[in-house]
N, C-alpha and C. Protein backbone atom coordinates (compact mmCIF):
# COMPACT_ATOMS: atom_id res chain seq x y z
N MET A 1 -112.49 -184.83 -24.18
CA MET A 1 -111.28 -184.07 -23.94
C MET A 1 -110.50 -184.67 -22.78
N PRO A 2 -109.20 -184.53 -22.77
CA PRO A 2 -108.38 -185.07 -21.70
C PRO A 2 -108.76 -184.46 -20.36
N THR A 3 -108.56 -185.22 -19.30
CA THR A 3 -108.89 -184.72 -17.97
C THR A 3 -107.68 -184.55 -17.09
N ASN A 4 -106.49 -184.95 -17.56
CA ASN A 4 -105.30 -184.74 -16.74
C ASN A 4 -104.32 -183.84 -17.47
N ASN A 5 -103.30 -183.39 -16.74
CA ASN A 5 -102.36 -182.42 -17.29
C ASN A 5 -101.30 -183.05 -18.19
N LYS A 6 -101.18 -184.37 -18.21
CA LYS A 6 -100.10 -185.01 -18.94
C LYS A 6 -100.51 -185.53 -20.30
N GLN A 7 -101.79 -185.54 -20.59
CA GLN A 7 -102.25 -186.08 -21.87
C GLN A 7 -101.98 -185.08 -22.99
N PRO A 8 -101.41 -185.54 -24.10
CA PRO A 8 -101.11 -184.62 -25.20
C PRO A 8 -102.38 -184.05 -25.84
N ASN A 9 -102.26 -182.85 -26.32
CA ASN A 9 -103.36 -182.16 -26.98
C ASN A 9 -103.34 -182.53 -28.46
N PRO A 10 -104.44 -183.06 -29.01
CA PRO A 10 -104.45 -183.46 -30.42
C PRO A 10 -104.28 -182.30 -31.40
N LEU A 11 -104.55 -181.06 -30.97
CA LEU A 11 -104.38 -179.91 -31.86
C LEU A 11 -102.90 -179.61 -32.14
N ALA A 12 -102.02 -180.09 -31.27
CA ALA A 12 -100.59 -179.80 -31.45
C ALA A 12 -100.11 -180.24 -32.83
N ASN A 13 -100.59 -181.38 -33.30
CA ASN A 13 -100.17 -181.88 -34.62
C ASN A 13 -100.64 -180.98 -35.76
N ASP A 14 -101.79 -180.31 -35.58
CA ASP A 14 -102.30 -179.41 -36.61
C ASP A 14 -101.64 -178.04 -36.54
N ILE A 15 -101.24 -177.62 -35.33
CA ILE A 15 -100.64 -176.31 -35.14
C ILE A 15 -99.16 -176.31 -35.53
N LEU A 16 -98.48 -177.42 -35.28
CA LEU A 16 -97.04 -177.50 -35.53
C LEU A 16 -96.62 -177.03 -36.93
N PRO A 17 -97.24 -177.53 -38.02
CA PRO A 17 -96.79 -177.08 -39.35
C PRO A 17 -97.02 -175.58 -39.58
N LEU A 18 -98.02 -175.01 -38.90
CA LEU A 18 -98.28 -173.58 -39.05
C LEU A 18 -97.16 -172.75 -38.41
N LEU A 19 -96.67 -173.22 -37.26
CA LEU A 19 -95.60 -172.50 -36.56
C LEU A 19 -94.29 -172.56 -37.32
N VAL A 20 -94.04 -173.70 -37.94
CA VAL A 20 -92.78 -173.91 -38.67
C VAL A 20 -92.68 -172.99 -39.88
N GLU A 21 -93.83 -172.49 -40.37
CA GLU A 21 -93.82 -171.56 -41.50
C GLU A 21 -93.02 -170.30 -41.20
N GLY A 22 -92.88 -169.97 -39.91
CA GLY A 22 -92.07 -168.82 -39.52
C GLY A 22 -92.81 -167.51 -39.36
N ARG A 23 -94.09 -167.48 -39.64
CA ARG A 23 -94.82 -166.22 -39.51
C ARG A 23 -95.30 -166.01 -38.08
N VAL A 24 -95.71 -164.81 -37.79
CA VAL A 24 -96.27 -164.48 -36.48
C VAL A 24 -97.78 -164.71 -36.55
N TRP A 25 -98.29 -165.41 -35.55
CA TRP A 25 -99.72 -165.73 -35.48
C TRP A 25 -100.36 -165.01 -34.31
N LYS A 26 -101.68 -164.89 -34.38
CA LYS A 26 -102.50 -164.46 -33.25
C LYS A 26 -103.43 -165.62 -32.95
N VAL A 27 -103.91 -165.71 -31.71
CA VAL A 27 -104.75 -166.85 -31.34
C VAL A 27 -105.98 -166.95 -32.24
N HIS A 28 -106.63 -165.83 -32.52
CA HIS A 28 -107.85 -165.89 -33.35
C HIS A 28 -107.53 -166.31 -34.79
N GLU A 29 -106.31 -165.99 -35.29
CA GLU A 29 -105.92 -166.44 -36.62
C GLU A 29 -105.70 -167.95 -36.64
N LEU A 30 -105.05 -168.46 -35.59
CA LEU A 30 -104.88 -169.92 -35.49
C LEU A 30 -106.24 -170.60 -35.42
N ALA A 31 -107.15 -170.02 -34.63
CA ALA A 31 -108.49 -170.61 -34.50
C ALA A 31 -109.19 -170.67 -35.86
N ALA A 32 -109.14 -169.56 -36.61
CA ALA A 32 -109.78 -169.53 -37.94
C ALA A 32 -109.17 -170.57 -38.87
N HIS A 33 -107.84 -170.71 -38.82
CA HIS A 33 -107.18 -171.70 -39.67
C HIS A 33 -107.56 -173.13 -39.26
N LEU A 34 -107.61 -173.37 -37.96
CA LEU A 34 -107.97 -174.71 -37.49
C LEU A 34 -109.43 -175.04 -37.79
N ILE A 35 -110.29 -174.03 -37.80
CA ILE A 35 -111.70 -174.26 -38.17
C ILE A 35 -111.77 -174.67 -39.64
N LYS A 36 -110.98 -173.98 -40.50
CA LYS A 36 -110.95 -174.36 -41.93
C LYS A 36 -110.48 -175.79 -42.11
N LEU A 37 -109.50 -176.20 -41.29
CA LEU A 37 -108.99 -177.57 -41.37
C LEU A 37 -109.93 -178.59 -40.72
N LYS A 38 -110.98 -178.09 -40.08
CA LYS A 38 -111.92 -178.93 -39.31
C LYS A 38 -111.20 -179.69 -38.21
N ALA A 39 -110.19 -179.05 -37.63
CA ALA A 39 -109.40 -179.67 -36.56
C ALA A 39 -110.00 -179.39 -35.18
N LEU A 40 -110.75 -178.31 -35.06
CA LEU A 40 -111.36 -177.98 -33.77
C LEU A 40 -112.66 -178.77 -33.60
N PRO A 41 -112.87 -179.35 -32.42
CA PRO A 41 -114.10 -180.11 -32.22
C PRO A 41 -115.32 -179.20 -32.18
N GLN A 42 -116.46 -179.74 -32.57
CA GLN A 42 -117.72 -179.01 -32.44
C GLN A 42 -118.11 -179.03 -30.98
N LEU A 43 -118.30 -177.86 -30.42
CA LEU A 43 -118.63 -177.76 -29.00
C LEU A 43 -120.09 -177.36 -28.87
N ARG A 44 -120.81 -178.04 -28.03
CA ARG A 44 -122.24 -177.78 -27.85
C ARG A 44 -122.46 -177.04 -26.54
N THR A 45 -121.97 -175.82 -26.50
CA THR A 45 -122.10 -175.00 -25.29
C THR A 45 -122.53 -173.61 -25.71
N SER A 46 -122.63 -172.71 -24.75
CA SER A 46 -122.97 -171.33 -25.10
C SER A 46 -121.82 -170.72 -25.91
N GLU A 47 -122.11 -169.65 -26.61
CA GLU A 47 -121.10 -169.01 -27.45
C GLU A 47 -119.90 -168.56 -26.63
N LEU A 48 -120.14 -168.00 -25.45
CA LEU A 48 -119.06 -167.52 -24.59
C LEU A 48 -118.19 -168.68 -24.11
N THR A 49 -118.81 -169.76 -23.65
CA THR A 49 -118.06 -170.92 -23.17
C THR A 49 -117.33 -171.59 -24.32
N GLU A 50 -117.95 -171.65 -25.49
CA GLU A 50 -117.30 -172.26 -26.66
C GLU A 50 -116.04 -171.49 -27.04
N LEU A 51 -116.12 -170.17 -27.01
CA LEU A 51 -114.95 -169.34 -27.31
C LEU A 51 -113.83 -169.60 -26.30
N ALA A 52 -114.18 -169.68 -25.02
CA ALA A 52 -113.18 -169.94 -23.97
C ALA A 52 -112.56 -171.33 -24.14
N GLN A 53 -113.39 -172.33 -24.46
CA GLN A 53 -112.87 -173.69 -24.63
C GLN A 53 -111.98 -173.78 -25.87
N ARG A 54 -112.37 -173.12 -26.94
CA ARG A 54 -111.57 -173.12 -28.16
C ARG A 54 -110.21 -172.47 -27.88
N ASN A 55 -110.24 -171.33 -27.18
CA ASN A 55 -109.01 -170.63 -26.83
C ASN A 55 -108.14 -171.51 -25.92
N PHE A 56 -108.79 -172.19 -24.96
CA PHE A 56 -108.04 -173.06 -24.05
C PHE A 56 -107.34 -174.17 -24.84
N LEU A 57 -108.04 -174.82 -25.74
CA LEU A 57 -107.45 -175.91 -26.52
C LEU A 57 -106.22 -175.44 -27.30
N ILE A 58 -106.33 -174.27 -27.91
CA ILE A 58 -105.21 -173.75 -28.71
C ILE A 58 -104.04 -173.39 -27.80
N MET A 59 -104.31 -172.66 -26.71
CA MET A 59 -103.23 -172.25 -25.81
C MET A 59 -102.58 -173.46 -25.14
N ASN A 60 -103.37 -174.45 -24.78
CA ASN A 60 -102.82 -175.67 -24.17
C ASN A 60 -101.86 -176.36 -25.14
N ALA A 61 -102.28 -176.46 -26.40
CA ALA A 61 -101.42 -177.08 -27.42
C ALA A 61 -100.13 -176.27 -27.60
N LEU A 62 -100.25 -174.95 -27.60
CA LEU A 62 -99.07 -174.09 -27.77
C LEU A 62 -98.08 -174.27 -26.62
N PHE A 63 -98.58 -174.30 -25.39
CA PHE A 63 -97.67 -174.46 -24.25
C PHE A 63 -97.05 -175.85 -24.22
N GLN A 64 -97.79 -176.86 -24.67
CA GLN A 64 -97.18 -178.19 -24.78
C GLN A 64 -96.08 -178.18 -25.84
N LEU A 65 -96.35 -177.53 -26.97
CA LEU A 65 -95.35 -177.43 -28.03
C LEU A 65 -94.14 -176.61 -27.57
N GLN A 66 -94.39 -175.59 -26.76
CA GLN A 66 -93.28 -174.77 -26.26
C GLN A 66 -92.26 -175.63 -25.53
N GLU A 67 -92.74 -176.55 -24.71
CA GLU A 67 -91.83 -177.44 -23.99
C GLU A 67 -91.06 -178.34 -24.95
N ASP A 68 -91.73 -178.83 -25.99
CA ASP A 68 -91.05 -179.66 -26.99
C ASP A 68 -89.98 -178.87 -27.74
N PHE A 69 -90.32 -177.64 -28.13
CA PHE A 69 -89.37 -176.81 -28.87
C PHE A 69 -88.14 -176.48 -28.04
N LEU A 70 -88.32 -176.26 -26.73
CA LEU A 70 -87.17 -175.96 -25.88
C LEU A 70 -86.15 -177.08 -25.92
N SER A 71 -86.63 -178.32 -25.92
CA SER A 71 -85.69 -179.44 -25.96
C SER A 71 -84.99 -179.54 -27.32
N ASP A 72 -85.55 -178.88 -28.35
CA ASP A 72 -84.93 -178.86 -29.67
C ASP A 72 -84.09 -177.60 -29.89
N GLY A 73 -83.95 -176.77 -28.86
CA GLY A 73 -83.15 -175.55 -28.97
C GLY A 73 -83.87 -174.38 -29.61
N CYS A 74 -85.20 -174.42 -29.66
CA CYS A 74 -85.99 -173.32 -30.21
C CYS A 74 -86.86 -172.75 -29.09
N TYR A 75 -87.42 -171.57 -29.32
CA TYR A 75 -88.30 -170.95 -28.34
C TYR A 75 -89.60 -170.57 -29.01
N LEU A 76 -90.73 -170.98 -28.42
CA LEU A 76 -92.04 -170.60 -28.92
C LEU A 76 -92.55 -169.47 -28.05
N SER A 77 -92.56 -168.26 -28.60
CA SER A 77 -93.04 -167.08 -27.90
C SER A 77 -94.57 -167.09 -27.97
N ILE A 78 -95.22 -167.00 -26.80
CA ILE A 78 -96.68 -167.13 -26.76
C ILE A 78 -97.32 -165.96 -26.02
N SER A 79 -98.14 -165.21 -26.74
CA SER A 79 -99.09 -164.28 -26.15
C SER A 79 -100.28 -164.28 -27.11
N SER A 80 -101.41 -163.79 -26.68
CA SER A 80 -102.60 -163.92 -27.54
C SER A 80 -102.45 -163.20 -28.88
N LEU A 81 -101.61 -162.16 -28.91
CA LEU A 81 -101.46 -161.39 -30.15
C LEU A 81 -100.11 -161.57 -30.83
N HIS A 82 -99.29 -162.45 -30.29
CA HIS A 82 -97.97 -162.68 -30.91
C HIS A 82 -97.48 -164.09 -30.57
N ILE A 83 -97.64 -164.99 -31.52
CA ILE A 83 -97.19 -166.37 -31.37
C ILE A 83 -96.18 -166.61 -32.47
N GLN A 84 -94.95 -166.93 -32.07
CA GLN A 84 -93.90 -167.07 -33.07
C GLN A 84 -92.85 -168.06 -32.61
N LEU A 85 -92.42 -168.89 -33.53
CA LEU A 85 -91.33 -169.83 -33.27
C LEU A 85 -90.02 -169.12 -33.58
N ILE A 86 -89.12 -169.11 -32.60
CA ILE A 86 -87.83 -168.45 -32.74
C ILE A 86 -86.76 -169.54 -32.78
N TYR A 87 -86.07 -169.62 -33.90
CA TYR A 87 -85.09 -170.69 -34.08
C TYR A 87 -83.77 -170.40 -33.39
N ASP A 88 -83.36 -169.14 -33.34
CA ASP A 88 -82.09 -168.81 -32.69
C ASP A 88 -82.35 -168.52 -31.22
N TYR A 89 -82.72 -169.55 -30.50
CA TYR A 89 -83.13 -169.43 -29.11
C TYR A 89 -81.97 -169.06 -28.19
N SER A 90 -82.23 -168.14 -27.30
CA SER A 90 -81.30 -167.81 -26.23
C SER A 90 -82.06 -167.99 -24.92
N PRO A 91 -81.50 -168.72 -23.96
CA PRO A 91 -82.21 -168.91 -22.69
C PRO A 91 -82.48 -167.59 -21.98
N ARG A 92 -81.89 -166.52 -22.46
CA ARG A 92 -82.09 -165.24 -21.81
C ARG A 92 -83.27 -164.47 -22.39
N LEU A 93 -83.95 -165.04 -23.39
CA LEU A 93 -85.12 -164.35 -23.93
C LEU A 93 -86.19 -164.25 -22.86
N PRO A 94 -87.01 -163.20 -22.88
CA PRO A 94 -88.07 -163.09 -21.88
C PRO A 94 -89.05 -164.24 -22.03
N SER A 95 -89.43 -164.84 -20.93
CA SER A 95 -90.37 -165.96 -21.00
C SER A 95 -91.76 -165.49 -20.63
N CYS A 96 -92.74 -166.29 -20.97
CA CYS A 96 -94.12 -165.93 -20.69
C CYS A 96 -94.37 -166.03 -19.19
N GLU A 97 -95.47 -165.47 -18.77
CA GLU A 97 -95.83 -165.54 -17.37
C GLU A 97 -96.11 -167.00 -17.00
N GLU A 98 -95.51 -167.44 -15.93
CA GLU A 98 -95.70 -168.83 -15.48
C GLU A 98 -97.15 -169.09 -15.09
N ALA A 99 -97.84 -168.08 -14.54
CA ALA A 99 -99.23 -168.26 -14.14
C ALA A 99 -100.11 -168.58 -15.35
N LEU A 100 -99.85 -167.90 -16.46
CA LEU A 100 -100.61 -168.14 -17.69
C LEU A 100 -100.36 -169.56 -18.20
N LYS A 101 -99.10 -169.95 -18.21
CA LYS A 101 -98.74 -171.29 -18.66
C LYS A 101 -99.38 -172.35 -17.77
N SER A 102 -99.30 -172.16 -16.47
CA SER A 102 -99.90 -173.12 -15.52
C SER A 102 -101.40 -173.24 -15.74
N TYR A 103 -102.04 -172.09 -15.98
CA TYR A 103 -103.49 -172.09 -16.21
C TYR A 103 -103.84 -172.94 -17.42
N TYR A 104 -103.14 -172.70 -18.53
CA TYR A 104 -103.49 -173.39 -19.78
C TYR A 104 -103.00 -174.83 -19.84
N LEU A 105 -102.12 -175.23 -18.96
CA LEU A 105 -101.71 -176.63 -18.94
C LEU A 105 -102.55 -177.46 -17.96
N ASP A 106 -103.44 -176.81 -17.23
CA ASP A 106 -104.32 -177.50 -16.28
C ASP A 106 -105.68 -177.75 -16.94
N TRP A 107 -105.94 -179.01 -17.28
CA TRP A 107 -107.17 -179.37 -18.00
C TRP A 107 -108.44 -179.11 -17.20
N GLN A 108 -108.32 -178.90 -15.90
CA GLN A 108 -109.52 -178.58 -15.10
C GLN A 108 -110.10 -177.22 -15.51
N ASN A 109 -109.29 -176.38 -16.13
CA ASN A 109 -109.75 -175.07 -16.57
C ASN A 109 -110.48 -175.12 -17.91
N TYR A 110 -110.57 -176.30 -18.49
CA TYR A 110 -111.24 -176.43 -19.79
C TYR A 110 -112.76 -176.36 -19.64
N ASN A 111 -113.30 -176.98 -18.62
CA ASN A 111 -114.75 -177.08 -18.46
C ASN A 111 -115.31 -176.05 -17.48
N LEU A 112 -115.09 -174.78 -17.76
CA LEU A 112 -115.63 -173.73 -16.91
C LEU A 112 -117.08 -173.44 -17.30
N SER A 113 -117.86 -173.03 -16.31
CA SER A 113 -119.25 -172.66 -16.59
C SER A 113 -119.29 -171.29 -17.26
N ASN A 114 -120.44 -170.95 -17.80
CA ASN A 114 -120.63 -169.65 -18.44
C ASN A 114 -120.34 -168.52 -17.45
N GLU A 115 -120.77 -168.69 -16.21
CA GLU A 115 -120.56 -167.68 -15.17
C GLU A 115 -119.07 -167.52 -14.86
N GLU A 116 -118.34 -168.64 -14.79
CA GLU A 116 -116.90 -168.58 -14.51
C GLU A 116 -116.14 -167.89 -15.65
N VAL A 117 -116.55 -168.17 -16.90
CA VAL A 117 -115.92 -167.52 -18.05
C VAL A 117 -116.20 -166.02 -18.02
N ALA A 118 -117.45 -165.64 -17.72
CA ALA A 118 -117.81 -164.22 -17.65
C ALA A 118 -117.01 -163.51 -16.56
N LYS A 119 -116.81 -164.19 -15.43
CA LYS A 119 -116.02 -163.60 -14.33
C LYS A 119 -114.57 -163.41 -14.76
N LEU A 120 -113.98 -164.41 -15.43
CA LEU A 120 -112.61 -164.29 -15.92
C LEU A 120 -112.47 -163.13 -16.91
N LEU A 121 -113.43 -162.99 -17.81
CA LEU A 121 -113.39 -161.89 -18.78
C LEU A 121 -113.49 -160.54 -18.09
N SER A 122 -114.31 -160.46 -17.06
CA SER A 122 -114.45 -159.22 -16.31
C SER A 122 -113.14 -158.86 -15.60
N GLN A 123 -112.49 -159.86 -15.01
CA GLN A 123 -111.20 -159.63 -14.35
C GLN A 123 -110.15 -159.19 -15.36
N PHE A 124 -110.15 -159.82 -16.52
CA PHE A 124 -109.20 -159.49 -17.58
C PHE A 124 -109.40 -158.04 -18.03
N THR A 125 -110.65 -157.64 -18.25
CA THR A 125 -110.96 -156.28 -18.68
C THR A 125 -110.53 -155.27 -17.64
N SER A 126 -110.75 -155.60 -16.36
CA SER A 126 -110.33 -154.69 -15.28
C SER A 126 -108.82 -154.52 -15.27
N ARG A 127 -108.09 -155.64 -15.43
CA ARG A 127 -106.63 -155.57 -15.44
C ARG A 127 -106.12 -154.76 -16.63
N LEU A 128 -106.78 -154.92 -17.78
CA LEU A 128 -106.36 -154.17 -18.97
C LEU A 128 -106.55 -152.68 -18.77
N SER A 129 -107.70 -152.29 -18.23
CA SER A 129 -107.95 -150.86 -18.05
C SER A 129 -107.02 -150.27 -17.00
N SER A 130 -106.63 -151.06 -16.00
CA SER A 130 -105.71 -150.54 -14.98
C SER A 130 -104.28 -150.43 -15.51
N LYS A 131 -103.97 -151.13 -16.61
CA LYS A 131 -102.62 -151.08 -17.18
C LYS A 131 -102.48 -150.00 -18.25
N LYS A 132 -103.53 -149.21 -18.45
CA LYS A 132 -103.46 -148.16 -19.46
C LYS A 132 -102.37 -147.17 -19.07
N LEU A 133 -101.61 -146.74 -20.07
CA LEU A 133 -100.49 -145.84 -19.81
C LEU A 133 -100.99 -144.45 -19.42
N SER A 134 -100.38 -143.90 -18.38
CA SER A 134 -100.67 -142.52 -18.01
C SER A 134 -100.00 -141.63 -19.06
N SER A 135 -100.46 -140.40 -19.17
CA SER A 135 -99.87 -139.50 -20.17
C SER A 135 -98.40 -139.23 -19.83
N GLU A 136 -98.07 -139.21 -18.53
CA GLU A 136 -96.67 -138.99 -18.12
C GLU A 136 -95.78 -140.15 -18.58
N LYS A 137 -96.24 -141.38 -18.33
CA LYS A 137 -95.45 -142.55 -18.74
C LYS A 137 -95.37 -142.64 -20.26
N LEU A 138 -96.46 -142.33 -20.93
CA LEU A 138 -96.48 -142.35 -22.39
C LEU A 138 -95.47 -141.36 -22.96
N ASN A 139 -95.41 -140.16 -22.38
CA ASN A 139 -94.45 -139.16 -22.85
C ASN A 139 -93.02 -139.62 -22.62
N LYS A 140 -92.75 -140.26 -21.47
CA LYS A 140 -91.41 -140.77 -21.19
C LYS A 140 -91.01 -141.86 -22.18
N LEU A 141 -91.95 -142.78 -22.46
CA LEU A 141 -91.66 -143.84 -23.42
C LEU A 141 -91.45 -143.29 -24.83
N ASN A 142 -92.27 -142.32 -25.21
CA ASN A 142 -92.10 -141.70 -26.53
C ASN A 142 -90.72 -141.07 -26.66
N GLU A 143 -90.29 -140.39 -25.60
CA GLU A 143 -88.98 -139.76 -25.63
C GLU A 143 -87.87 -140.81 -25.66
N ARG A 144 -87.99 -141.81 -24.80
CA ARG A 144 -86.95 -142.86 -24.74
C ARG A 144 -86.87 -143.65 -26.05
N TRP A 145 -88.03 -143.94 -26.62
CA TRP A 145 -88.08 -144.72 -27.86
C TRP A 145 -87.93 -143.85 -29.10
N GLN A 146 -87.92 -142.55 -28.92
CA GLN A 146 -87.80 -141.59 -30.02
C GLN A 146 -88.95 -141.77 -31.03
N LEU A 147 -90.16 -141.77 -30.48
CA LEU A 147 -91.36 -141.93 -31.30
C LEU A 147 -92.10 -140.61 -31.41
N GLU A 148 -92.85 -140.46 -32.48
CA GLU A 148 -93.68 -139.27 -32.67
C GLU A 148 -95.10 -139.56 -32.25
N LEU A 149 -95.78 -138.54 -31.75
CA LEU A 149 -97.19 -138.67 -31.41
C LEU A 149 -98.02 -138.25 -32.61
N PRO A 150 -99.16 -138.79 -32.84
CA PRO A 150 -99.78 -139.89 -32.10
C PRO A 150 -99.08 -141.22 -32.43
N LEU A 151 -99.15 -142.11 -31.45
CA LEU A 151 -98.51 -143.42 -31.62
C LEU A 151 -99.16 -144.20 -32.74
N ASP A 152 -98.35 -145.01 -33.38
CA ASP A 152 -98.81 -145.82 -34.50
C ASP A 152 -98.16 -147.20 -34.36
N ILE A 153 -98.95 -148.26 -34.46
CA ILE A 153 -98.43 -149.62 -34.27
C ILE A 153 -97.28 -149.93 -35.23
N VAL A 154 -97.38 -149.49 -36.46
CA VAL A 154 -96.34 -149.78 -37.45
C VAL A 154 -95.01 -149.17 -37.01
N ARG A 155 -95.04 -147.90 -36.57
CA ARG A 155 -93.81 -147.24 -36.12
C ARG A 155 -93.26 -147.87 -34.85
N VAL A 156 -94.16 -148.27 -33.93
CA VAL A 156 -93.72 -148.92 -32.68
C VAL A 156 -93.03 -150.23 -33.01
N LYS A 157 -93.61 -151.02 -33.90
CA LYS A 157 -93.01 -152.31 -34.27
C LYS A 157 -91.66 -152.11 -34.97
N LYS A 158 -91.58 -151.11 -35.83
CA LYS A 158 -90.33 -150.84 -36.54
C LYS A 158 -89.24 -150.45 -35.53
N ARG A 159 -89.60 -149.59 -34.58
CA ARG A 159 -88.63 -149.16 -33.58
C ARG A 159 -88.23 -150.33 -32.68
N TRP A 160 -89.20 -151.21 -32.35
CA TRP A 160 -88.90 -152.40 -31.54
C TRP A 160 -87.85 -153.27 -32.23
N ARG A 161 -88.02 -153.49 -33.53
CA ARG A 161 -87.07 -154.33 -34.25
C ARG A 161 -85.66 -153.74 -34.18
N ALA A 162 -85.57 -152.42 -34.33
CA ALA A 162 -84.25 -151.76 -34.27
C ALA A 162 -83.64 -151.90 -32.87
N LEU A 163 -84.43 -151.63 -31.83
CA LEU A 163 -83.92 -151.72 -30.46
C LEU A 163 -83.60 -153.16 -30.08
N ALA A 164 -84.47 -154.09 -30.47
CA ALA A 164 -84.24 -155.51 -30.15
C ALA A 164 -82.96 -156.00 -30.82
N SER A 165 -82.75 -155.58 -32.03
CA SER A 165 -81.53 -155.97 -32.74
C SER A 165 -80.29 -155.40 -32.05
N GLN A 166 -80.41 -154.17 -31.57
CA GLN A 166 -79.29 -153.51 -30.91
C GLN A 166 -78.94 -154.14 -29.57
N TYR A 167 -79.97 -154.49 -28.77
CA TYR A 167 -79.73 -154.94 -27.40
C TYR A 167 -79.90 -156.45 -27.19
N HIS A 168 -80.16 -157.21 -28.25
CA HIS A 168 -80.37 -158.65 -28.07
C HIS A 168 -79.17 -159.27 -27.37
N PRO A 169 -79.42 -160.11 -26.36
CA PRO A 169 -78.31 -160.70 -25.59
C PRO A 169 -77.31 -161.50 -26.41
N ASP A 170 -77.71 -162.00 -27.56
CA ASP A 170 -76.78 -162.77 -28.40
C ASP A 170 -75.81 -161.87 -29.18
N LYS A 171 -76.09 -160.59 -29.24
CA LYS A 171 -75.21 -159.64 -29.94
C LYS A 171 -74.02 -159.30 -29.04
N HIS A 172 -72.91 -158.99 -29.65
CA HIS A 172 -71.70 -158.63 -28.90
C HIS A 172 -71.97 -157.42 -28.00
N SER A 173 -72.70 -156.44 -28.52
CA SER A 173 -73.00 -155.24 -27.74
C SER A 173 -74.33 -155.35 -26.99
N GLY A 174 -74.93 -156.55 -26.97
CA GLY A 174 -76.23 -156.75 -26.37
C GLY A 174 -76.22 -156.64 -24.85
N ASP A 175 -77.40 -156.46 -24.29
CA ASP A 175 -77.53 -156.33 -22.85
C ASP A 175 -78.85 -156.98 -22.44
N HIS A 176 -78.76 -158.07 -21.69
CA HIS A 176 -79.95 -158.84 -21.29
C HIS A 176 -80.95 -157.97 -20.53
N HIS A 177 -80.48 -157.16 -19.60
CA HIS A 177 -81.38 -156.35 -18.77
C HIS A 177 -82.10 -155.28 -19.58
N ILE A 178 -81.36 -154.61 -20.46
CA ILE A 178 -82.00 -153.59 -21.31
C ILE A 178 -82.97 -154.25 -22.27
N PHE A 179 -82.59 -155.40 -22.83
CA PHE A 179 -83.47 -156.12 -23.75
C PHE A 179 -84.79 -156.48 -23.07
N LYS A 180 -84.69 -157.00 -21.86
CA LYS A 180 -85.89 -157.37 -21.10
C LYS A 180 -86.75 -156.14 -20.82
N GLU A 181 -86.11 -155.04 -20.49
CA GLU A 181 -86.81 -153.79 -20.19
C GLU A 181 -87.53 -153.25 -21.43
N ILE A 182 -86.83 -153.23 -22.57
CA ILE A 182 -87.48 -152.70 -23.77
C ILE A 182 -88.57 -153.63 -24.27
N HIS A 183 -88.43 -154.94 -24.02
CA HIS A 183 -89.51 -155.87 -24.40
C HIS A 183 -90.76 -155.55 -23.59
N SER A 184 -90.60 -155.29 -22.31
CA SER A 184 -91.74 -154.93 -21.46
C SER A 184 -92.36 -153.61 -21.91
N GLU A 185 -91.52 -152.64 -22.24
CA GLU A 185 -92.02 -151.35 -22.73
C GLU A 185 -92.74 -151.52 -24.06
N TYR A 186 -92.21 -152.38 -24.90
CA TYR A 186 -92.84 -152.67 -26.20
C TYR A 186 -94.26 -153.21 -26.01
N GLN A 187 -94.41 -154.14 -25.08
CA GLN A 187 -95.74 -154.70 -24.81
C GLN A 187 -96.69 -153.61 -24.34
N CYS A 188 -96.20 -152.69 -23.48
CA CYS A 188 -97.02 -151.57 -23.00
C CYS A 188 -97.44 -150.66 -24.16
N LEU A 189 -96.48 -150.34 -25.03
CA LEU A 189 -96.77 -149.47 -26.16
C LEU A 189 -97.77 -150.11 -27.12
N LEU A 190 -97.60 -151.41 -27.38
CA LEU A 190 -98.55 -152.11 -28.25
C LEU A 190 -99.94 -152.11 -27.66
N SER A 191 -100.04 -152.42 -26.35
CA SER A 191 -101.34 -152.43 -25.68
C SER A 191 -102.00 -151.05 -25.78
N HIS A 192 -101.19 -150.01 -25.56
CA HIS A 192 -101.73 -148.66 -25.64
C HIS A 192 -102.26 -148.37 -27.06
N CYS A 193 -101.47 -148.71 -28.08
CA CYS A 193 -101.90 -148.48 -29.46
C CYS A 193 -103.19 -149.22 -29.77
N ARG A 194 -103.30 -150.43 -29.31
CA ARG A 194 -104.49 -151.24 -29.59
C ARG A 194 -105.71 -150.72 -28.86
N SER A 195 -105.51 -150.02 -27.75
CA SER A 195 -106.65 -149.50 -26.99
C SER A 195 -107.19 -148.19 -27.58
N LEU A 196 -106.45 -147.62 -28.54
CA LEU A 196 -106.88 -146.33 -29.12
C LEU A 196 -108.03 -146.51 -30.08
C-alpha cells in the first residue's frame, strides 16, 4: 500500500464507474461490490483491523475522486451512509468535514493496530450517543419539518427532497443559509431514525 499522501489509490479506477451510475451508495455497499470485483486486496490482519483498512482504502479513494470531480465541475458528496456524485455542482453545497477528509487522505492512518482501531470505534460510539436528539429538539424538528411521530426514514427523506428543492441555492427562491441549516437537521433526523 502507498505510504505517502500523494500516491493515487488503485481503487479509484474501480469505484469511478459505480459513482457515474448516479445512484446513492453506502460504504458497506461499495465494499461488497468491490469484493465481488476482487478489487480489494486480501488483508492478513484481525477482522477488526481488516474492516478498518478496507474502509480506509474506500474512503481514501473517494476523497481523491472528490478532488478530481471538483475540477470537472461536479461534487462528490461523501458520508458513510450517503455517497453520491452530484452533476449540477454549486460551490455553496455543504462540504464534508475537513477533519474527516484529512484523516482519510493521510496514509499513516492505514496501518493502525487493533488497539488503535478499537479506541477509534469507542470514540465514535461515544460521539454518536452524545449526538442523540433530546425529546425537546426532536419535537421542534418535527414541528419545523411538519413530520408525524413516530419518525420514519422514508418520510424524512421525502420531506428532505421537498425542502432541499425549495431552498437549494441554485433556485431563484433558494437560500444558502437555510439550505445548510436544513441539511444539518436532515443529518440529525436520519441519525435519530437509524438509532431507533
